[in-house]
Amino acid sequence: MVGALRHDALFYCLSALQRFAGMTKEALSPVVLEMATLGQSGLKVNDPEPQYHLRLVPGDFSGLQIVCMMHVGLKQLDPSIDAGMDLDREYAAALSLFARNNPP
């Protein structure tokens, strides 16, 4: 359906917001760089199976999870950046949910 939020991407973004909560930009930068480096060789974003591993983030991740985490990380580093991933609506919805569940 055109215009609908991708719920999987929304929840991956929310998970990334939770994972990165409290991280300084200095701590987050190498994590985002590792994801971007992994993405250079291409990520299978339509395959839901976890098949990627990061040194700096424990666990195994699908391509879409990596892309969502990278999008969130880039936005955390610079909210004005255009990450070029077409996840802005999912990120905004995840940010709203995160703020609602984590009041200042």
PDB file of N, CA and C in Angstrom:
ATOM      1  N   MET A   1       0.853  -1.175   0.000  1.00  0.00           N
ATOM      2  CA  MET A   1       0.000   0.000   0.000  1.00  0.00           C
ATOM      3  C   MET A   1       0.900   1.240   0.000  1.00  0.00           C
ATOM      4  N   VAL A   2       0.697   2.089  -0.954  1.00  0.00           N
ATOM      5  CA  VAL A   2       1.502   3.293  -1.090  1.00  0.00           C
ATOM      6  C   VAL A   2       1.207   4.247   0.071  1.00  0.00           C
ATOM      7  N   GLY A   3       2.251   4.786   0.650  1.00  0.00           N
ATOM      8  CA  GLY A   3       2.090   5.757   1.713  1.00  0.00           C
ATOM      9  C   GLY A   3       1.983   5.177   3.104  1.00  0.00           C
ATOM     10  N   ALA A   4       1.860   3.856   3.216  1.00  0.00           N
ATOM     11  CA  ALA A   4       1.736   3.237   4.531  1.00  0.00           C
ATOM     12  C   ALA A   4       3.110   3.123   5.181  1.00  0.00           C
ATOM     13  N   LEU A   5       3.097   3.214   6.502  1.00  0.00           N
ATOM     14  CA  LEU A   5       4.342   3.013   7.247  1.00  0.00           C
ATOM     15  C   LEU A   5       4.737   1.541   7.174  1.00  0.00           C
ATOM     16  N   ARG A   6       6.021   1.301   7.091  1.00  0.00           N
ATOM     17  CA  ARG A   6       6.521  -0.065   7.201  1.00  0.00           C
ATOM     18  C   ARG A   6       6.659  -0.358   8.688  1.00  0.00           C
ATOM     19  N   HIS A   7       5.793  -1.186   9.210  1.00  0.00           N
ATOM     20  CA  HIS A   7       5.796  -1.454  10.647  1.00  0.00           C
ATOM     21  C   HIS A   7       7.071  -2.142  11.094  1.00  0.00           C
ATOM     22  N   ASP A   8       7.643  -2.997  10.253  1.00  0.00           N
ATOM     23  CA  ASP A   8       8.905  -3.632  10.631  1.00  0.00           C
ATOM     24  C   ASP A   8       9.998  -2.575  10.785  1.00  0.00           C
ATOM     25  N   ALA A   9      10.069  -1.647   9.856  1.00  0.00           N
ATOM     26  CA  ALA A   9      11.079  -0.583   9.925  1.00  0.00           C
ATOM     27  C   ALA A   9      10.827   0.339  11.117  1.00  0.00           C
ATOM     28  N   LEU A  10       9.558   0.625  11.393  1.00  0.00           N
ATOM     29  CA  LEU A  10       9.223   1.469  12.543  1.00  0.00           C
ATOM     30  C   LEU A  10       9.747   0.821  13.837  1.00  0.00           C
ATOM     31  N   PHE A  11       9.503  -0.469  14.008  1.00  0.00           N
ATOM     32  CA  PHE A  11       9.938  -1.126  15.235  1.00  0.00           C
ATOM     33  C   PHE A  11      11.449  -1.322  15.281  1.00  0.00           C
ATOM     34  N   TYR A  12      12.095  -1.492  14.125  1.00  0.00           N
ATOM     35  CA  TYR A  12      13.562  -1.537  14.114  1.00  0.00           C
ATOM     36  C   TYR A  12      14.128  -0.170  14.495  1.00  0.00           C
ATOM     37  N   CYS A  13      13.497   0.902  14.030  1.00  0.00           N
ATOM     38  CA  CYS A  13      13.936   2.253  14.416  1.00  0.00           C
ATOM     39  C   CYS A  13      13.729   2.472  15.909  1.00  0.00           C
ATOM     40  N   LEU A  14      12.586   2.043  16.434  1.00  0.00           N
ATOM     41  CA  LEU A  14      12.326   2.176  17.869  1.00  0.00           C
ATOM     42  C   LEU A  14      13.353   1.390  18.675  1.00  0.00           C
ATOM     43  N   SER A  15      13.674   0.199  18.239  1.00  0.00           N
ATOM     44  CA  SER A  15      14.687  -0.613  18.917  1.00  0.00           C
ATOM     45  C   SER A  15      16.046   0.083  18.897  1.00  0.00           C
ATOM     46  N   ALA A  16      16.375   0.711  17.770  1.00  0.00           N
ATOM     47  CA  ALA A  16      17.648   1.436  17.667  1.00  0.00           C
ATOM     48  C   ALA A  16      17.660   2.646  18.600  1.00  0.00           C
ATOM     49  N   LEU A  17      16.540   3.355  18.688  1.00  0.00           N
ATOM     50  CA  LEU A  17      16.458   4.490  19.615  1.00  0.00           C
ATOM     51  C   LEU A  17      16.707   4.025  21.051  1.00  0.00           C
ATOM     52  N   GLN A  18      16.132   2.897  21.403  1.00  0.00           N
ATOM     53  CA  GLN A  18      16.337   2.348  22.749  1.00  0.00           C
ATOM     54  C   GLN A  18      17.786   1.921  22.943  1.00  0.00           C
ATOM     55  N   ARG A  19      18.354   1.291  21.935  1.00  0.00           N
ATOM     56  CA  ARG A  19      19.737   0.810  22.007  1.00  0.00           C
ATOM     57  C   ARG A  19      20.728   1.973  22.132  1.00  0.00           C
ATOM     58  N   PHE A  20      20.456   3.068  21.419  1.00  0.00           N
ATOM     59  CA  PHE A  20      21.387   4.194  21.386  1.00  0.00           C
ATOM     60  C   PHE A  20      21.108   5.238  22.468  1.00  0.00           C
ATOM     61  N   ALA A  21      20.042   5.059  23.232  1.00  0.00           N
ATOM     62  CA  ALA A  21      19.684   6.029  24.270  1.00  0.00           C
ATOM     63  C   ALA A  21      20.852   6.211  25.235  1.00  0.00           C
ATOM     64  N   GLY A  22      21.202   7.453  25.467  1.00  0.00           N
ATOM     65  CA  GLY A  22      22.269   7.762  26.410  1.00  0.00           C
ATOM     66  C   GLY A  22      23.671   7.690  25.824  1.00  0.00           C
ATOM     67  N   MET A  23      23.811   7.247  24.581  1.00  0.00           N
ATOM     68  CA  MET A  23      25.141   7.196  23.968  1.00  0.00           C
ATOM     69  C   MET A  23      25.551   8.598  23.536  1.00  0.00           C
ATOM     70  N   THR A  24      26.801   8.926  23.761  1.00  0.00           N
ATOM     71  CA  THR A  24      27.332  10.194  23.283  1.00  0.00           C
ATOM     72  C   THR A  24      27.584  10.097  21.775  1.00  0.00           C
ATOM     73  N   LYS A  25      27.725  11.241  21.140  1.00  0.00           N
ATOM     74  CA  LYS A  25      28.056  11.243  19.714  1.00  0.00           C
ATOM     75  C   LYS A  25      29.394  10.559  19.467  1.00  0.00           C
ATOM     76  N   GLU A  26      30.318  10.717  20.406  1.00  0.00           N
ATOM     77  CA  GLU A  26      31.633  10.097  20.269  1.00  0.00           C
ATOM     78  C   GLU A  26      31.533   8.572  20.314  1.00  0.00           C
ATOM     79  N   ALA A  27      30.612   8.047  21.104  1.00  0.00           N
ATOM     80  CA  ALA A  27      30.422   6.600  21.191  1.00  0.00           C
ATOM     81  C   ALA A  27      29.604   6.077  20.006  1.00  0.00           C
ATOM     82  N   LEU A  28      28.666   6.884  19.529  1.00  0.00           N
ATOM     83  CA  LEU A  28      27.784   6.457  18.447  1.00  0.00           C
ATOM     84  C   LEU A  28      28.468   6.514  17.078  1.00  0.00           C
ATOM     85  N   SER A  29      29.355   7.448  16.869  1.00  0.00           N
ATOM     86  CA  SER A  29      29.994   7.628  15.557  1.00  0.00           C
ATOM     87  C   SER A  29      30.650   6.358  15.012  1.00  0.00           C
ATOM     88  N   PRO A  30      31.480   5.645  15.793  1.00  0.00           N
ATOM     89  CA  PRO A  30      32.089   4.430  15.238  1.00  0.00           C
ATOM     90  C   PRO A  30      31.071   3.330  14.951  1.00  0.00           C
ATOM     91  N   VAL A  31      29.977   3.299  15.688  1.00  0.00           N
ATOM     92  CA  VAL A  31      28.927   2.313  15.439  1.00  0.00           C
ATOM     93  C   VAL A  31      28.286   2.584  14.081  1.00  0.00           C
ATOM     94  N   VAL A  32      27.943   3.832  13.828  1.00  0.00           N
ATOM     95  CA  VAL A  32      27.339   4.212  12.544  1.00  0.00           C
ATOM     96  C   VAL A  32      28.334   3.972  11.407  1.00  0.00           C
ATOM     97  N   LEU A  33      29.589   4.276  11.634  1.00  0.00           N
ATOM     98  CA  LEU A  33      30.604   4.049  10.610  1.00  0.00           C
ATOM     99  C   LEU A  33      30.722   2.565  10.279  1.00  0.00           C
ATOM    100  N   GLU A  34      30.664   1.705  11.293  1.00  0.00           N
ATOM    101  CA  GLU A  34      30.734   0.268  11.036  1.00  0.00           C
ATOM    102  C   GLU A  34      29.549  -0.192  10.188  1.00  0.00           C
ATOM    103  N   MET A  35      28.354   0.330  10.486  1.00  0.00           N
ATOM    104  CA  MET A  35      27.170  -0.032   9.703  1.00  0.00           C
ATOM    105  C   MET A  35      27.292   0.470   8.264  1.00  0.00           C
ATOM    106  N   ALA A  36      27.765   1.691   8.110  1.00  0.00           N
ATOM    107  CA  ALA A  36      27.926   2.259   6.769  1.00  0.00           C
ATOM    108  C   ALA A  36      28.951   1.465   5.966  1.00  0.00           C
ATOM    109  N   THR A  37      30.012   1.046   6.613  1.00  0.00           N
ATOM    110  CA  THR A  37      31.038   0.246   5.945  1.00  0.00           C
ATOM    111  C   THR A  37      30.459  -1.089   5.506  1.00  0.00           C
ATOM    112  N   LEU A  38      29.678  -1.718   6.372  1.00  0.00           N
ATOM    113  CA  LEU A  38      29.026  -2.976   6.019  1.00  0.00           C
ATOM    114  C   LEU A  38      28.072  -2.762   4.848  1.00  0.00           C
ATOM    115  N   GLY A  39      27.368  -1.659   4.851  1.00  0.00           N
ATOM    116  CA  GLY A  39      26.421  -1.362   3.788  1.00  0.00           C
ATOM    117  C   GLY A  39      27.064  -1.105   2.440  1.00  0.00           C
ATOM    118  N   GLN A  40      28.345  -0.775   2.426  1.00  0.00           N
ATOM    119  CA  GLN A  40      29.061  -0.515   1.168  1.00  0.00           C
ATOM    120  C   GLN A  40      29.014  -1.724   0.240  1.00  0.00           C
ATOM    121  N   SER A  41      29.002  -2.925   0.817  1.00  0.00           N
ATOM    122  CA  SER A  41      28.992  -4.127  -0.016  1.00  0.00           C
ATOM    123  C   SER A  41      27.569  -4.587  -0.335  1.00  0.00           C
ATOM    124  N   GLY A  42      26.587  -3.832   0.139  1.00  0.00           N
ATOM    125  CA  GLY A  42      25.189  -4.148  -0.143  1.00  0.00           C
ATOM    126  C   GLY A  42      24.564  -4.960   0.975  1.00  0.00           C
ATOM    127  N   LEU A  43      23.350  -4.615   1.306  1.00  0.00           N
ATOM    128  CA  LEU A  43      22.591  -5.309   2.339  1.00  0.00           C
ATOM    129  C   LEU A  43      21.302  -5.841   1.728  1.00  0.00           C
ATOM    130  N   LYS A  44      20.946  -7.043   2.082  1.00  0.00           N
ATOM    131  CA  LYS A  44      19.703  -7.649   1.600  1.00  0.00           C
ATOM    132  C   LYS A  44      18.561  -7.181   2.499  1.00  0.00           C
ATOM    133  N   VAL A  45      17.976  -6.029   2.164  1.00  0.00           N
ATOM    134  CA  VAL A  45      16.968  -5.427   3.033  1.00  0.00           C
ATOM    135  C   VAL A  45      15.607  -6.123   2.947  1.00  0.00           C
ATOM    136  N   ASN A  46      15.382  -6.925   1.939  1.00  0.00           N
ATOM    137  CA  ASN A  46      14.101  -7.618   1.808  1.00  0.00           C
ATOM    138  C   ASN A  46      14.147  -9.048   2.334  1.00  0.00           C
ATOM    139  N   ASP A  47      15.284  -9.453   2.880  1.00  0.00           N
ATOM    140  CA  ASP A  47      15.419 -10.777   3.481  1.00  0.00           C
ATOM    141  C   ASP A  47      15.354 -10.616   4.991  1.00  0.00           C
ATOM    142  N   PRO A  48      14.314 -11.136   5.646  1.00  0.00           N
ATOM    143  CA  PRO A  48      14.149 -10.912   7.081  1.00  0.00           C
ATOM    144  C   PRO A  48      15.088 -11.725   7.968  1.00  0.00           C
ATOM    145  N   GLU A  49      15.845 -12.647   7.388  1.00  0.00           N
ATOM    146  CA  GLU A  49      16.730 -13.490   8.191  1.00  0.00           C
ATOM    147  C   GLU A  49      17.946 -12.698   8.685  1.00  0.00           C
ATOM    148  N   PRO A  50      18.241 -12.813   9.983  1.00  0.00           N
ATOM    149  CA  PRO A  50      19.463 -12.174  10.497  1.00  0.00           C
ATOM    150  C   PRO A  50      20.685 -12.829   9.871  1.00  0.00           C
ATOM    151  N   GLN A  51      21.487 -12.036   9.188  1.00  0.00           N
ATOM    152  CA  GLN A  51      22.662 -12.595   8.532  1.00  0.00           C
ATOM    153  C   GLN A  51      23.892 -11.695   8.631  1.00  0.00           C
ATOM    154  N   TYR A  52      23.761 -10.618   9.360  1.00  0.00           N
ATOM    155  CA  TYR A  52      24.870  -9.674   9.506  1.00  0.00           C
ATOM    156  C   TYR A  52      25.257  -9.563  10.975  1.00  0.00           C
ATOM    157  N   HIS A  53      26.531  -9.398  11.197  1.00  0.00           N
ATOM    158  CA  HIS A  53      27.068  -9.264  12.551  1.00  0.00           C
ATOM    159  C   HIS A  53      27.930  -7.998  12.601  1.00  0.00           C
ATOM    160  N   LEU A  54      27.814  -7.263  13.678  1.00  0.00           N
ATOM    161  CA  LEU A  54      28.618  -6.054  13.883  1.00  0.00           C
ATOM    162  C   LEU A  54      29.564  -6.293  15.056  1.00  0.00           C
ATOM    163  N   ARG A  55      30.752  -5.759  14.974  1.00  0.00           N
ATOM    164  CA  ARG A  55      31.704  -5.873  16.080  1.00  0.00           C
ATOM    165  C   ARG A  55      31.263  -5.048  17.278  1.00  0.00           C
ATOM    166  N   LEU A  56      30.685  -3.868  17.018  1.00  0.00           N
ATOM    167  CA  LEU A  56      30.392  -2.914  18.084  1.00  0.00           C
ATOM    168  C   LEU A  56      28.984  -3.030  18.669  1.00  0.00           C
ATOM    169  N   VAL A  57      28.144  -3.833  18.063  1.00  0.00           N
ATOM    170  CA  VAL A  57      26.777  -4.010  18.548  1.00  0.00           C
ATOM    171  C   VAL A  57      26.511  -5.516  18.631  1.00  0.00           C
ATOM    172  N   PRO A  58      26.234  -6.016  19.826  1.00  0.00           N
ATOM    173  CA  PRO A  58      26.013  -7.457  19.944  1.00  0.00           C
ATOM    174  C   PRO A  58      24.744  -7.917  19.234  1.00  0.00           C
ATOM    175  N   GLY A  59      24.807  -9.113  18.682  1.00  0.00           N
ATOM    176  CA  GLY A  59      23.650  -9.707  18.038  1.00  0.00           C
ATOM    177  C   GLY A  59      23.862  -9.910  16.552  1.00  0.00           C
ATOM    178  N   ASP A  60      22.895 -10.555  15.942  1.00  0.00           N
ATOM    179  CA  ASP A  60      22.861 -10.753  14.498  1.00  0.00           C
ATOM    180  C   ASP A  60      21.647 -10.003  13.973  1.00  0.00           C
ATOM    181  N   PHE A  61      21.783  -9.412  12.788  1.00  0.00           N
ATOM    182  CA  PHE A  61      20.772  -8.492  12.293  1.00  0.00           C
ATOM    183  C   PHE A  61      20.440  -8.769  10.835  1.00  0.00           C
ATOM    184  N   SER A  62      19.209  -8.442  10.473  1.00  0.00           N
ATOM    185  CA  SER A  62      18.815  -8.487   9.066  1.00  0.00           C
ATOM    186  C   SER A  62      19.334  -7.212   8.394  1.00  0.00           C
ATOM    187  N   GLY A  63      19.292  -7.216   7.077  1.00  0.00           N
ATOM    188  CA  GLY A  63      19.717  -6.026   6.343  1.00  0.00           C
ATOM    189  C   GLY A  63      18.877  -4.817   6.688  1.00  0.00           C
ATOM    190  N   LEU A  64      17.554  -5.008   6.813  1.00  0.00           N
ATOM    191  CA  LEU A  64      16.677  -3.892   7.152  1.00  0.00           C
ATOM    192  C   LEU A  64      16.969  -3.376   8.559  1.00  0.00           C
ATOM    193  N   GLN A  65      17.284  -4.265   9.490  1.00  0.00           N
ATOM    194  CA  GLN A  65      17.644  -3.820  10.839  1.00  0.00           C
ATOM    195  C   GLN A  65      18.887  -2.938  10.797  1.00  0.00           C
ATOM    196  N   ILE A  66      19.884  -3.336  10.030  1.00  0.00           N
ATOM    197  CA  ILE A  66      21.119  -2.540   9.915  1.00  0.00           C
ATOM    198  C   ILE A  66      20.798  -1.170   9.325  1.00  0.00           C
ATOM    199  N   VAL A  67      20.012  -1.143   8.262  1.00  0.00           N
ATOM    200  CA  VAL A  67      19.668   0.122   7.605  1.00  0.00           C
ATOM    201  C   VAL A  67      18.909   1.032   8.573  1.00  0.00           C
ATOM    202  N   CYS A  68      17.975   0.463   9.317  1.00  0.00           N
ATOM    203  CA  CYS A  68      17.207   1.266  10.277  1.00  0.00           C
ATOM    204  C   CYS A  68      18.102   1.786  11.394  1.00  0.00           C
ATOM    205  N   MET A  69      18.981   0.930  11.911  1.00  0.00           N
ATOM    206  CA  MET A  69      19.898   1.391  12.956  1.00  0.00           C
ATOM    207  C   MET A  69      20.813   2.491  12.433  1.00  0.00           C
ATOM    208  N   MET A  70      21.281   2.343  11.197  1.00  0.00           N
ATOM    209  CA  MET A  70      22.154   3.361  10.617  1.00  0.00           C
ATOM    210  C   MET A  70      21.387   4.672  10.437  1.00  0.00           C
ATOM    211  N   HIS A  71      20.143   4.588   9.981  1.00  0.00           N
ATOM    212  CA  HIS A  71      19.312   5.786   9.811  1.00  0.00           C
ATOM    213  C   HIS A  71      19.150   6.502  11.150  1.00  0.00           C
ATOM    214  N   VAL A  72      18.789   5.749  12.183  1.00  0.00           N
ATOM    215  CA  VAL A  72      18.606   6.332  13.516  1.00  0.00           C
ATOM    216  C   VAL A  72      19.920   6.925  14.008  1.00  0.00           C
ATOM    217  N   GLY A  73      21.005   6.199  13.839  1.00  0.00           N
ATOM    218  CA  GLY A  73      22.302   6.693  14.285  1.00  0.00           C
ATOM    219  C   GLY A  73      22.693   7.988  13.599  1.00  0.00           C
ATOM    220  N   LEU A  74      22.486   8.051  12.294  1.00  0.00           N
ATOM    221  CA  LEU A  74      22.802   9.280  11.562  1.00  0.00           C
ATOM    222  C   LEU A  74      21.943  10.441  12.055  1.00  0.00           C
ATOM    223  N   LYS A  75      20.651  10.191  12.284  1.00  0.00           N
ATOM    224  CA  LYS A  75      19.762  11.240  12.777  1.00  0.00           C
ATOM    225  C   LYS A  75      20.143  11.676  14.191  1.00  0.00           C
ATOM    226  N   GLN A  76      20.652  10.745  14.992  1.00  0.00           N
ATOM    227  CA  GLN A  76      21.100  11.104  16.337  1.00  0.00           C
ATOM    228  C   GLN A  76      22.351  11.978  16.273  1.00  0.00           C
ATOM    229  N   LEU A  77      23.204  11.701  15.297  1.00  0.00           N
ATOM    230  CA  LEU A  77      24.423  12.493  15.138  1.00  0.00           C
ATOM    231  C   LEU A  77      24.120  13.878  14.574  1.00  0.00           C
ATOM    232  N   ASP A  78      23.180  13.943  13.613  1.00  0.00           N
ATOM    233  CA  ASP A  78      22.818  15.220  12.994  1.00  0.00           C
ATOM    234  C   ASP A  78      21.379  15.133  12.492  1.00  0.00           C
ATOM    235  N   PRO A  79      20.425  15.662  13.258  1.00  0.00           N
ATOM    236  CA  PRO A  79      19.006  15.546  12.879  1.00  0.00           C
ATOM    237  C   PRO A  79      18.666  16.150  11.517  1.00  0.00           C
ATOM    238  N   SER A  80      19.484  17.043  11.017  1.00  0.00           N
ATOM    239  CA  SER A  80      19.179  17.680   9.738  1.00  0.00           C
ATOM    240  C   SER A  80      19.685  16.877   8.538  1.00  0.00           C
ATOM    241  N   ILE A  81      20.430  15.815   8.791  1.00  0.00           N
ATOM    242  CA  ILE A  81      21.023  15.054   7.697  1.00  0.00           C
ATOM    243  C   ILE A  81      19.955  14.299   6.906  1.00  0.00           C
ATOM    244  N   ASP A  82      20.141  14.247   5.601  1.00  0.00           N
ATOM    245  CA  ASP A  82      19.285  13.424   4.751  1.00  0.00           C
ATOM    246  C   ASP A  82      20.022  12.109   4.565  1.00  0.00           C
ATOM    247  N   ALA A  83      19.574  11.097   5.272  1.00  0.00           N
ATOM    248  CA  ALA A  83      20.258   9.810   5.242  1.00  0.00           C
ATOM    249  C   ALA A  83      20.046   9.078   3.924  1.00  0.00           C
ATOM    250  N   GLY A  84      19.092   9.530   3.118  1.00  0.00           N
ATOM    251  CA  GLY A  84      18.870   8.941   1.806  1.00  0.00           C
ATOM    252  C   GLY A  84      18.299   7.533   1.861  1.00  0.00           C
ATOM    253  N   MET A  85      17.595   7.211   2.933  1.00  0.00           N
ATOM    254  CA  MET A  85      17.099   5.844   3.097  1.00  0.00           C
ATOM    255  C   MET A  85      15.585   5.741   3.054  1.00  0.00           C
ATOM    256  N   ASP A  86      14.893   6.832   2.864  1.00  0.00           N
ATOM    257  CA  ASP A  86      13.434   6.837   2.777  1.00  0.00           C
ATOM    258  C   ASP A  86      12.771   6.197   4.003  1.00  0.00           C
ATOM    259  N   LEU A  87      13.331   6.485   5.177  1.00  0.00           N
ATOM    260  CA  LEU A  87      12.787   5.977   6.434  1.00  0.00           C
ATOM    261  C   LEU A  87      12.377   7.107   7.375  1.00  0.00           C
ATOM    262  N   ASP A  88      12.266   8.313   6.859  1.00  0.00           N
ATOM    263  CA  ASP A  88      11.967   9.459   7.714  1.00  0.00           C
ATOM    264  C   ASP A  88      10.618   9.327   8.421  1.00  0.00           C
ATOM    265  N   ARG A  89       9.608   8.803   7.747  1.00  0.00           N
ATOM    266  CA  ARG A  89       8.298   8.671   8.393  1.00  0.00           C
ATOM    267  C   ARG A  89       8.332   7.608   9.488  1.00  0.00           C
ATOM    268  N   GLU A  90       9.000   6.495   9.225  1.00  0.00           N
ATOM    269  CA  GLU A  90       9.119   5.449  10.240  1.00  0.00           C
ATOM    270  C   GLU A  90       9.947   5.945  11.418  1.00  0.00           C
ATOM    271  N   TYR A  91      10.994   6.696  11.124  1.00  0.00           N
ATOM    272  CA  TYR A  91      11.826   7.260  12.193  1.00  0.00           C
ATOM    273  C   TYR A  91      11.021   8.239  13.040  1.00  0.00           C
ATOM    274  N   ALA A  92      10.247   9.105  12.398  1.00  0.00           N
ATOM    275  CA  ALA A  92       9.432  10.087  13.132  1.00  0.00           C
ATOM    276  C   ALA A  92       8.407   9.380  14.024  1.00  0.00           C
ATOM    277  N   ALA A  93       7.775   8.333  13.511  1.00  0.00           N
ATOM    278  CA  ALA A  93       6.797   7.586  14.313  1.00  0.00           C
ATOM    279  C   ALA A  93       7.494   6.889  15.487  1.00  0.00           C
ATOM    280  N   ALA A  94       8.661   6.311  15.236  1.00  0.00           N
ATOM    281  CA  ALA A  94       9.413   5.650  16.308  1.00  0.00           C
ATOM    282  C   ALA A  94       9.864   6.664  17.349  1.00  0.00           C
ATOM    283  N   LEU A  95      10.281   7.834  16.907  1.00  0.00           N
ATOM    284  CA  LEU A  95      10.711   8.891  17.825  1.00  0.00           C
ATOM    285  C   LEU A  95       9.549   9.327  18.719  1.00  0.00           C
ATOM    286  N   SER A  96       8.368   9.413  18.147  1.00  0.00           N
ATOM    287  CA  SER A  96       7.181   9.779  18.920  1.00  0.00           C
ATOM    288  C   SER A  96       6.864   8.709  19.970  1.00  0.00           C
ATOM    289  N   LEU A  97       6.914   7.448  19.574  1.00  0.00           N
ATOM    290  CA  LEU A  97       6.677   6.352  20.524  1.00  0.00           C
ATOM    291  C   LEU A  97       7.739   6.337  21.617  1.00  0.00           C
ATOM    292  N   PHE A  98       8.975   6.547  21.222  1.00  0.00           N
ATOM    293  CA  PHE A  98      10.084   6.552  22.190  1.00  0.00           C
ATOM    294  C   PHE A  98       9.893   7.680  23.202  1.00  0.00           C
ATOM    295  N   ALA A  99       9.545   8.856  22.717  1.00  0.00           N
ATOM    296  CA  ALA A  99       9.352  10.015  23.615  1.00  0.00           C
ATOM    297  C   ALA A  99       8.173   9.776  24.551  1.00  0.00           C
ATOM    298  N   ARG A 100       7.143   9.152  24.051  1.00  0.00           N
ATOM    299  CA  ARG A 100       5.962   8.874  24.868  1.00  0.00           C
ATOM    300  C   ARG A 100       6.306   7.889  25.987  1.00  0.00           C
ATOM    301  N   ASN A 101       7.170   6.927  25.705  1.00  0.00           N
ATOM    302  CA  ASN A 101       7.526   5.905  26.694  1.00  0.00           C
ATOM    303  C   ASN A 101       8.730   6.276  27.536  1.00  0.00           C
ATOM    304  N   ASN A 102       9.411   7.367  27.186  1.00  0.00           N
ATOM    305  CA  ASN A 102      10.605   7.806  27.906  1.00  0.00           C
ATOM    306  C   ASN A 102      10.544   9.313  28.121  1.00  0.00           C
ATOM    307  N   PRO A 103       9.621   9.772  28.942  1.00  0.00           N
ATOM    308  CA  PRO A 103       9.507  11.227  29.133  1.00  0.00           C
ATOM    309  C   PRO A 103      10.778  11.802  29.738  1.00  0.00           C
ATOM    310  N   PRO A 104      11.065  13.081  29.412  1.00  0.00           N
ATOM    311  CA  PRO A 104      12.319  13.704  29.918  1.00  0.00           C
ATOM    312  C   PRO A 104      12.376  13.811  31.427  1.00  0.00           C
TER     313      PRO A 104
END
